[in-house]
N, C-alpha and C. Protein backbone atom coordinates (compact mmCIF):
# COMPACT_ATOMS: atom_id res chain seq x y z
N MET A 1 25.74 5.14 -10.70
CA MET A 1 24.81 5.40 -11.36
C MET A 1 23.64 6.14 -10.89
N ALA A 2 23.20 7.13 -11.16
CA ALA A 2 21.94 8.34 -11.38
C ALA A 2 20.86 7.19 -11.49
N LEU A 3 19.83 7.83 -10.65
CA LEU A 3 18.12 6.94 -10.78
C LEU A 3 17.63 7.63 -11.55
N GLU A 4 16.74 7.21 -12.19
CA GLU A 4 15.57 8.21 -13.06
C GLU A 4 15.13 9.39 -11.87
N LYS A 5 14.90 10.25 -12.10
CA LYS A 5 14.03 11.35 -11.24
C LYS A 5 12.57 11.13 -12.09
N ILE A 6 11.42 11.32 -11.08
CA ILE A 6 10.40 11.52 -11.70
C ILE A 6 9.21 12.77 -10.74
N VAL A 7 8.39 13.52 -11.40
CA VAL A 7 7.52 14.34 -10.94
C VAL A 7 6.29 14.14 -10.63
N LEU A 8 5.62 13.47 -9.43
CA LEU A 8 4.46 13.15 -9.35
C LEU A 8 3.76 14.24 -8.55
N ASP A 9 2.48 14.52 -9.23
CA ASP A 9 1.62 15.27 -8.33
C ASP A 9 0.85 14.75 -7.45
N ALA A 10 0.23 15.59 -6.59
CA ALA A 10 -1.08 15.16 -5.60
C ALA A 10 -1.77 14.10 -6.17
N SER A 11 -2.21 14.35 -7.42
CA SER A 11 -3.31 13.39 -7.80
C SER A 11 -2.96 11.90 -7.62
N VAL A 12 -1.75 11.81 -8.12
CA VAL A 12 -0.99 10.31 -8.28
C VAL A 12 -0.70 9.87 -6.96
N ILE A 13 -0.26 10.70 -6.21
CA ILE A 13 0.07 10.34 -4.31
C ILE A 13 -1.06 9.91 -3.57
N ALA A 14 -2.35 10.63 -3.91
CA ALA A 14 -3.45 10.48 -3.35
C ALA A 14 -3.91 8.94 -3.69
N LYS A 15 -3.64 8.60 -4.61
CA LYS A 15 -3.92 7.34 -5.23
C LYS A 15 -3.33 6.10 -4.49
N TRP A 16 -2.23 6.25 -3.42
CA TRP A 16 -1.49 5.66 -2.58
C TRP A 16 -2.46 5.04 -1.97
N TYR A 17 -3.70 6.09 -1.31
CA TYR A 17 -4.49 5.83 -0.45
C TYR A 17 -5.76 5.73 -0.50
N LEU A 18 -6.33 6.04 -1.69
CA LEU A 18 -7.62 5.53 -2.11
C LEU A 18 -7.65 4.60 -3.15
N LYS A 19 -8.31 3.79 -3.23
CA LYS A 19 -8.99 2.70 -4.39
C LYS A 19 -9.66 3.54 -5.31
N GLU A 20 -8.98 3.69 -6.65
CA GLU A 20 -9.56 4.54 -7.49
C GLU A 20 -8.70 3.81 -8.94
N LYS A 21 -9.58 4.59 -9.82
CA LYS A 21 -8.86 4.09 -11.35
C LYS A 21 -7.57 4.87 -11.17
N TYR A 22 -6.58 3.92 -11.55
CA TYR A 22 -5.26 4.25 -11.96
C TYR A 22 -4.41 3.74 -10.46
N SER A 23 -5.22 3.46 -9.44
CA SER A 23 -4.28 3.57 -7.89
C SER A 23 -3.16 2.46 -8.42
N GLU A 24 -3.30 1.45 -9.08
CA GLU A 24 -2.21 0.21 -9.12
C GLU A 24 -1.46 0.68 -9.92
N GLN A 25 -1.23 1.58 -10.85
CA GLN A 25 -0.22 2.22 -11.65
C GLN A 25 0.59 3.30 -10.37
N ALA A 26 -0.45 4.07 -9.60
CA ALA A 26 0.31 4.84 -8.58
C ALA A 26 1.30 4.14 -7.60
N ILE A 27 0.85 2.86 -7.21
CA ILE A 27 1.24 1.95 -6.19
C ILE A 27 2.40 1.15 -6.87
N ASN A 28 2.53 1.13 -8.13
CA ASN A 28 3.57 0.48 -8.83
C ASN A 28 4.73 1.56 -8.67
N LEU A 29 4.50 2.78 -8.80
CA LEU A 29 5.27 3.41 -8.74
C LEU A 29 6.27 4.05 -7.62
N ARG A 30 5.03 3.88 -6.81
CA ARG A 30 5.47 4.11 -5.05
C ARG A 30 6.49 3.10 -5.02
N ASP A 31 6.08 1.95 -5.20
CA ASP A 31 6.95 0.63 -5.23
C ASP A 31 8.46 0.51 -5.33
N GLU A 32 8.36 0.96 -6.82
CA GLU A 32 9.79 1.12 -7.38
C GLU A 32 10.76 2.28 -6.79
N TYR A 33 9.87 3.31 -6.25
CA TYR A 33 10.46 4.55 -5.38
C TYR A 33 10.92 3.78 -3.93
N ILE A 34 10.42 3.07 -3.51
CA ILE A 34 10.90 2.31 -2.32
C ILE A 34 11.96 1.04 -2.63
N SER A 35 11.60 0.62 -3.57
CA SER A 35 12.74 -0.34 -4.16
C SER A 35 13.98 0.34 -4.73
N GLY A 36 14.14 1.68 -4.52
CA GLY A 36 15.34 2.13 -5.06
C GLY A 36 15.68 2.34 -6.64
N HIS A 37 14.37 2.21 -7.21
CA HIS A 37 14.87 2.22 -8.70
C HIS A 37 14.69 3.62 -9.36
N ILE A 38 13.89 4.38 -8.54
CA ILE A 38 13.64 6.01 -9.32
C ILE A 38 13.52 6.71 -7.96
N THR A 39 13.64 8.12 -8.22
CA THR A 39 13.52 9.21 -7.37
C THR A 39 12.30 9.93 -7.53
N ILE A 40 11.81 10.16 -6.70
CA ILE A 40 10.45 11.39 -6.61
C ILE A 40 10.90 12.53 -6.19
N ALA A 41 10.55 13.61 -7.18
CA ALA A 41 10.86 14.86 -6.38
C ALA A 41 9.30 15.77 -6.66
N ALA A 42 9.55 16.53 -5.84
CA ALA A 42 8.09 17.04 -5.61
C ALA A 42 8.10 18.80 -5.11
N PRO A 43 7.53 19.84 -5.59
CA PRO A 43 7.40 21.19 -4.62
C PRO A 43 6.86 20.74 -3.16
N THR A 44 7.36 21.32 -2.46
CA THR A 44 6.90 21.35 -0.70
C THR A 44 5.62 21.42 -0.64
N LEU A 45 4.57 22.10 -1.37
CA LEU A 45 2.99 21.92 -1.48
C LEU A 45 2.49 20.30 -1.50
N LEU A 46 3.28 19.46 -1.81
CA LEU A 46 2.76 18.42 -2.34
C LEU A 46 1.87 17.72 -1.24
N GLU A 47 2.16 17.58 0.00
CA GLU A 47 1.85 16.92 1.14
C GLU A 47 0.75 17.81 1.46
N TYR A 48 0.44 19.11 1.32
CA TYR A 48 -0.44 19.62 1.55
C TYR A 48 -1.58 19.33 0.71
N GLU A 49 -1.43 19.33 -0.69
CA GLU A 49 -2.38 18.77 -1.71
C GLU A 49 -3.13 17.51 -1.52
N VAL A 50 -1.94 16.53 -1.21
CA VAL A 50 -2.28 15.05 -0.87
C VAL A 50 -3.33 14.94 0.39
N LEU A 51 -3.23 15.69 1.41
CA LEU A 51 -3.88 15.44 2.57
C LEU A 51 -5.22 16.20 2.23
N ASN A 52 -5.16 17.42 1.33
CA ASN A 52 -6.45 18.09 1.10
C ASN A 52 -7.37 17.20 0.35
N ALA A 53 -6.61 16.39 -0.42
CA ALA A 53 -7.51 15.61 -1.45
C ALA A 53 -8.00 14.25 -0.77
N LEU A 54 -7.42 13.98 0.30
CA LEU A 54 -7.68 12.63 1.08
C LEU A 54 -8.93 13.73 2.06
N LYS A 55 -8.85 14.32 2.62
CA LYS A 55 -9.48 15.20 3.65
C LYS A 55 -11.05 14.98 2.87
N TYR A 56 -11.14 15.93 1.44
CA TYR A 56 -12.30 15.91 0.89
C TYR A 56 -12.78 14.87 0.12
N SER A 57 -12.13 13.70 0.30
CA SER A 57 -12.61 12.22 -0.35
C SER A 57 -13.66 11.73 0.88
N GLY A 58 -13.45 12.06 2.01
CA GLY A 58 -14.46 11.28 3.10
C GLY A 58 -13.75 9.95 3.63
N ALA A 59 -12.75 9.81 2.95
CA ALA A 59 -12.23 8.36 3.39
C ALA A 59 -11.76 8.06 4.57
N TYR A 60 -11.24 9.23 5.39
CA TYR A 60 -10.60 9.07 6.33
C TYR A 60 -10.84 10.40 7.57
N SER A 61 -10.49 9.68 8.74
CA SER A 61 -11.07 10.44 9.77
C SER A 61 -9.55 11.45 10.37
N GLU A 62 -9.93 12.38 11.08
CA GLU A 62 -9.09 13.36 11.51
C GLU A 62 -7.60 12.74 12.00
N GLN A 63 -7.77 11.83 12.75
CA GLN A 63 -6.34 10.83 12.94
C GLN A 63 -6.21 9.98 12.18
N GLU A 64 -6.69 9.69 10.91
CA GLU A 64 -5.95 8.89 10.15
C GLU A 64 -5.33 9.82 9.24
N LEU A 65 -5.91 11.07 9.00
CA LEU A 65 -5.23 12.00 8.13
C LEU A 65 -4.07 12.45 8.70
N THR A 66 -3.85 12.64 10.26
CA THR A 66 -2.49 12.74 10.76
C THR A 66 -1.51 11.61 10.67
N ASP A 67 -2.02 10.38 10.66
CA ASP A 67 -1.23 9.37 10.43
C ASP A 67 -0.41 9.63 9.35
N ILE A 68 -1.07 9.72 8.08
CA ILE A 68 -0.76 10.01 6.62
C ILE A 68 0.06 10.81 6.61
N ALA A 69 -0.17 11.91 7.44
CA ALA A 69 0.73 13.17 7.19
C ALA A 69 1.93 12.74 7.86
N HIS A 70 2.25 11.96 8.63
CA HIS A 70 3.37 11.19 9.01
C HIS A 70 4.01 10.51 8.03
N SER A 71 3.33 9.62 7.89
CA SER A 71 3.86 8.35 6.49
C SER A 71 4.24 9.24 5.57
N LEU A 72 3.70 10.26 4.86
CA LEU A 72 4.17 11.25 3.95
C LEU A 72 5.60 11.64 3.96
N ASN A 73 5.77 12.42 5.04
CA ASN A 73 6.89 12.61 5.68
C ASN A 73 8.29 11.78 5.63
N LYS A 74 7.64 10.41 6.11
CA LYS A 74 8.97 9.58 6.17
C LYS A 74 9.30 8.83 5.00
N TYR A 75 8.34 9.37 3.34
CA TYR A 75 8.93 8.84 2.42
C TYR A 75 10.25 9.52 1.85
N GLY A 76 10.49 10.81 2.01
CA GLY A 76 11.75 11.54 2.05
C GLY A 76 11.86 11.74 0.75
N PHE A 77 10.94 12.18 0.16
CA PHE A 77 10.98 12.60 -1.75
C PHE A 77 11.95 14.01 -1.44
N GLU A 78 11.99 14.08 -2.51
CA GLU A 78 13.40 15.36 -2.84
C GLU A 78 12.43 16.26 -2.87
N TYR A 79 12.35 17.12 -2.36
CA TYR A 79 11.23 18.25 -2.09
C TYR A 79 12.18 19.54 -2.34
N TRP A 80 11.25 20.37 -3.16
CA TRP A 80 11.96 21.77 -3.79
C TRP A 80 10.96 22.57 -3.24
N ARG A 81 11.58 24.40 -2.71
CA ARG A 81 10.70 25.19 -1.99
C ARG A 81 10.53 25.93 -3.48
N LEU A 82 9.56 26.79 -3.11
CA LEU A 82 8.92 28.04 -4.28
C LEU A 82 10.38 28.93 -4.61
N GLU A 83 10.97 29.41 -3.81
CA GLU A 83 12.15 29.86 -4.40
C GLU A 83 13.06 29.37 -5.48
N LYS A 84 13.22 28.17 -5.53
CA LYS A 84 13.87 27.74 -6.51
C LYS A 84 13.02 27.62 -8.33
N LEU A 85 11.71 27.54 -7.66
CA LEU A 85 11.03 27.64 -9.06
C LEU A 85 9.85 28.68 -9.37
N LYS A 86 10.11 29.83 -8.42
CA LYS A 86 9.01 30.57 -8.80
C LYS A 86 8.88 31.26 -9.97
N SER A 87 10.01 31.71 -10.91
CA SER A 87 10.07 32.46 -11.96
C SER A 87 9.47 31.31 -13.02
N GLU A 88 9.83 30.00 -13.27
CA GLU A 88 9.51 29.08 -14.11
C GLU A 88 7.78 28.87 -13.74
N THR A 89 7.61 29.00 -12.60
CA THR A 89 6.37 28.75 -12.26
C THR A 89 5.46 29.76 -12.60
N ILE A 90 5.70 30.75 -12.82
CA ILE A 90 4.50 32.06 -12.90
C ILE A 90 4.74 31.98 -14.27
N LYS A 91 5.53 31.56 -14.95
CA LYS A 91 5.76 31.71 -16.55
C LYS A 91 4.63 30.80 -17.21
N ILE A 92 4.88 29.33 -16.48
CA ILE A 92 3.97 28.30 -16.92
C ILE A 92 2.35 28.49 -16.59
N ALA A 93 2.28 28.93 -15.50
CA ALA A 93 0.81 29.25 -14.87
C ALA A 93 0.30 30.43 -15.99
N SER A 94 0.76 31.09 -16.17
CA SER A 94 0.23 32.47 -16.99
C SER A 94 0.32 31.82 -18.34
N ARG A 95 1.28 31.27 -19.15
CA ARG A 95 1.23 30.57 -20.37
C ARG A 95 0.24 29.72 -20.72
N TYR A 96 0.05 28.94 -19.94
CA TYR A 96 -1.00 27.58 -20.05
C TYR A 96 -2.63 27.83 -19.10
N ASP A 97 -2.68 29.20 -18.21
CA ASP A 97 -3.70 29.35 -17.68
C ASP A 97 -3.79 27.98 -16.73
N ILE A 98 -3.12 27.86 -16.07
CA ILE A 98 -3.35 26.80 -15.15
C ILE A 98 -3.05 27.16 -13.45
N THR A 99 -3.04 26.88 -12.57
CA THR A 99 -3.30 27.02 -11.20
C THR A 99 -1.63 27.22 -11.05
N ILE A 100 -1.23 28.02 -10.01
CA ILE A 100 0.24 28.24 -9.84
C ILE A 100 0.70 26.88 -9.00
N TYR A 101 -0.10 26.09 -8.57
CA TYR A 101 0.03 24.91 -7.73
C TYR A 101 0.48 23.80 -8.75
N ASP A 102 -0.27 23.55 -9.58
CA ASP A 102 -0.18 22.62 -10.98
C ASP A 102 1.27 23.19 -11.78
N ALA A 103 1.38 24.45 -11.45
CA ALA A 103 2.51 24.74 -12.57
C ALA A 103 4.09 24.80 -11.95
N SER A 104 3.52 24.53 -10.56
CA SER A 104 4.81 24.31 -9.69
C SER A 104 5.33 22.96 -9.76
N TYR A 105 4.76 22.11 -10.10
CA TYR A 105 5.32 20.69 -10.43
C TYR A 105 5.73 20.60 -12.00
N LEU A 106 5.64 21.28 -12.70
CA LEU A 106 5.91 21.38 -14.28
C LEU A 106 7.14 21.94 -14.20
N ALA A 107 6.96 22.95 -13.37
CA ALA A 107 8.41 24.25 -13.29
C ALA A 107 9.79 23.13 -12.90
N LEU A 108 9.18 22.11 -11.73
CA LEU A 108 10.15 21.39 -11.15
C LEU A 108 10.61 20.51 -12.37
N ALA A 109 9.80 19.73 -13.06
CA ALA A 109 9.96 18.47 -13.86
C ALA A 109 11.11 19.21 -14.86
N ILE A 110 10.86 20.58 -15.56
CA ILE A 110 11.55 21.23 -16.34
C ILE A 110 12.76 21.45 -15.81
N LEU A 111 12.90 22.15 -14.67
CA LEU A 111 14.28 22.45 -14.00
C LEU A 111 15.13 21.00 -13.97
N ILE A 112 14.75 20.09 -13.59
CA ILE A 112 15.47 18.81 -13.11
C ILE A 112 15.46 17.97 -14.23
N LYS A 113 14.66 18.20 -15.44
CA LYS A 113 14.67 17.24 -16.67
C LYS A 113 14.13 15.98 -16.49
N ALA A 114 12.99 15.94 -15.62
CA ALA A 114 12.12 14.38 -15.08
C ALA A 114 11.21 14.44 -15.74
N SER A 115 10.23 13.44 -15.89
CA SER A 115 9.24 13.41 -16.34
C SER A 115 8.13 13.52 -15.04
N PHE A 116 6.95 14.12 -15.86
CA PHE A 116 5.93 14.50 -14.66
C PHE A 116 4.67 13.89 -14.68
N TYR A 117 4.16 13.00 -13.77
CA TYR A 117 3.02 12.28 -14.19
C TYR A 117 1.84 12.97 -13.21
N THR A 118 0.71 12.61 -13.48
CA THR A 118 -0.54 13.29 -12.94
C THR A 118 -1.68 12.43 -13.72
N VAL A 119 -3.09 12.52 -13.10
CA VAL A 119 -4.12 12.02 -13.60
C VAL A 119 -5.17 12.87 -13.86
N ASP A 120 -4.78 14.10 -13.88
CA ASP A 120 -5.53 15.47 -14.05
C ASP A 120 -5.78 15.61 -15.48
N GLU A 121 -6.70 15.13 -16.16
CA GLU A 121 -6.70 15.24 -17.29
C GLU A 121 -7.05 16.38 -18.14
N GLU A 122 -7.66 17.39 -17.47
CA GLU A 122 -7.54 18.81 -17.61
C GLU A 122 -6.50 19.62 -17.51
N LEU A 123 -6.00 19.15 -16.99
CA LEU A 123 -4.47 19.92 -16.66
C LEU A 123 -3.73 19.80 -17.97
N LEU A 124 -3.68 18.16 -18.16
CA LEU A 124 -2.99 17.56 -19.35
C LEU A 124 -3.34 18.35 -20.49
N SER A 125 -4.61 18.61 -21.11
CA SER A 125 -5.34 19.01 -21.93
C SER A 125 -4.79 20.25 -22.36
N ARG A 126 -4.54 21.13 -21.23
CA ARG A 126 -4.04 22.78 -21.43
C ARG A 126 -2.46 22.53 -21.97
N ILE A 127 -1.74 21.52 -21.68
CA ILE A 127 -0.53 21.30 -21.71
C ILE A 127 0.49 20.63 -22.77
N THR A 128 -0.39 20.22 -23.88
CA THR A 128 -0.34 19.24 -24.67
C THR A 128 1.43 19.24 -25.14
N GLU A 129 1.70 20.47 -25.28
CA GLU A 129 3.14 20.73 -25.87
C GLU A 129 4.14 20.48 -25.01
N LEU A 130 4.21 20.04 -23.82
CA LEU A 130 5.02 19.62 -22.86
C LEU A 130 5.00 18.40 -22.77
N GLU A 131 6.18 17.99 -23.42
CA GLU A 131 6.22 16.40 -23.63
C GLU A 131 7.06 15.79 -22.26
N MET A 132 7.21 16.29 -21.45
CA MET A 132 7.31 15.70 -20.29
C MET A 132 6.69 15.41 -19.53
N ALA A 133 5.37 15.98 -19.78
CA ALA A 133 3.97 16.08 -19.05
C ALA A 133 3.23 14.71 -19.62
N LYS A 134 2.75 13.77 -18.45
CA LYS A 134 2.54 12.34 -18.98
C LYS A 134 1.17 11.87 -17.93
N HIS A 135 0.13 11.30 -18.75
CA HIS A 135 -0.92 10.74 -18.01
C HIS A 135 -0.10 9.25 -17.19
N LEU A 136 -0.62 9.22 -15.83
CA LEU A 136 -0.37 8.10 -14.90
C LEU A 136 -0.18 6.75 -15.74
N LYS A 137 -1.59 6.53 -16.61
CA LYS A 137 -1.56 5.37 -17.19
C LYS A 137 -0.41 5.30 -18.08
N ASP A 138 0.47 6.28 -18.49
CA ASP A 138 1.51 5.65 -19.69
C ASP A 138 3.02 5.72 -19.20
N ALA A 139 2.59 5.77 -17.44
CA ALA A 139 4.16 5.27 -16.70
C ALA A 139 4.85 3.96 -17.13
N LYS A 140 5.82 3.96 -17.02
CA LYS A 140 6.56 2.80 -17.21
C LYS A 140 6.39 1.97 -16.25
N ALA A 141 6.50 0.78 -16.81
CA ALA A 141 6.01 -0.36 -15.57
C ALA A 141 7.40 -0.86 -14.95
N GLU A 142 8.37 -0.52 -15.40
CA GLU A 142 9.56 -0.89 -14.65
C GLU A 142 10.62 0.63 -14.63
N TYR A 143 11.48 0.46 -14.07
CA TYR A 143 12.23 1.90 -13.99
C TYR A 143 13.65 1.09 -13.73
N LYS A 144 14.73 1.35 -14.55
CA LYS A 144 16.29 0.89 -14.24
C LYS A 144 16.98 1.93 -14.12
N GLU A 145 18.07 1.76 -12.95
CA GLU A 145 19.03 2.49 -13.07
C GLU A 145 19.88 3.05 -14.57
N ILE A 146 19.83 4.33 -14.50
CA ILE A 146 20.60 5.02 -15.74
C ILE A 146 22.12 5.51 -15.28
């Protein structure tokens, strides 16, 4: 049986490391992934974006960021390179006037027919017609094999 694939952007993954609003929901998805109930897919830029968010949060030292970089790599997410996503990424970025970075997550979700979760409310306000794009607060409590 196939597991449900979801795409999480850096705003969600960063909440695994920062105690903020919606951190609990983000950690629940992490735990579902670790338990093997879901698969997490992301563009290869995910780790850079997460580390950037954590650096600018001021919550972590240089060594701690290095340790987090290693831990992120160990999760074994299903990573997708830009070559597979570039055409759709550019189209989405242009159509919705969003960054190429944000559009790459959406392009991936469209390509693999997955739900996309973020806490970026400004982004969500620009892409309201994309039904697979959801706020983290709306993530399912539990995922089951499909």
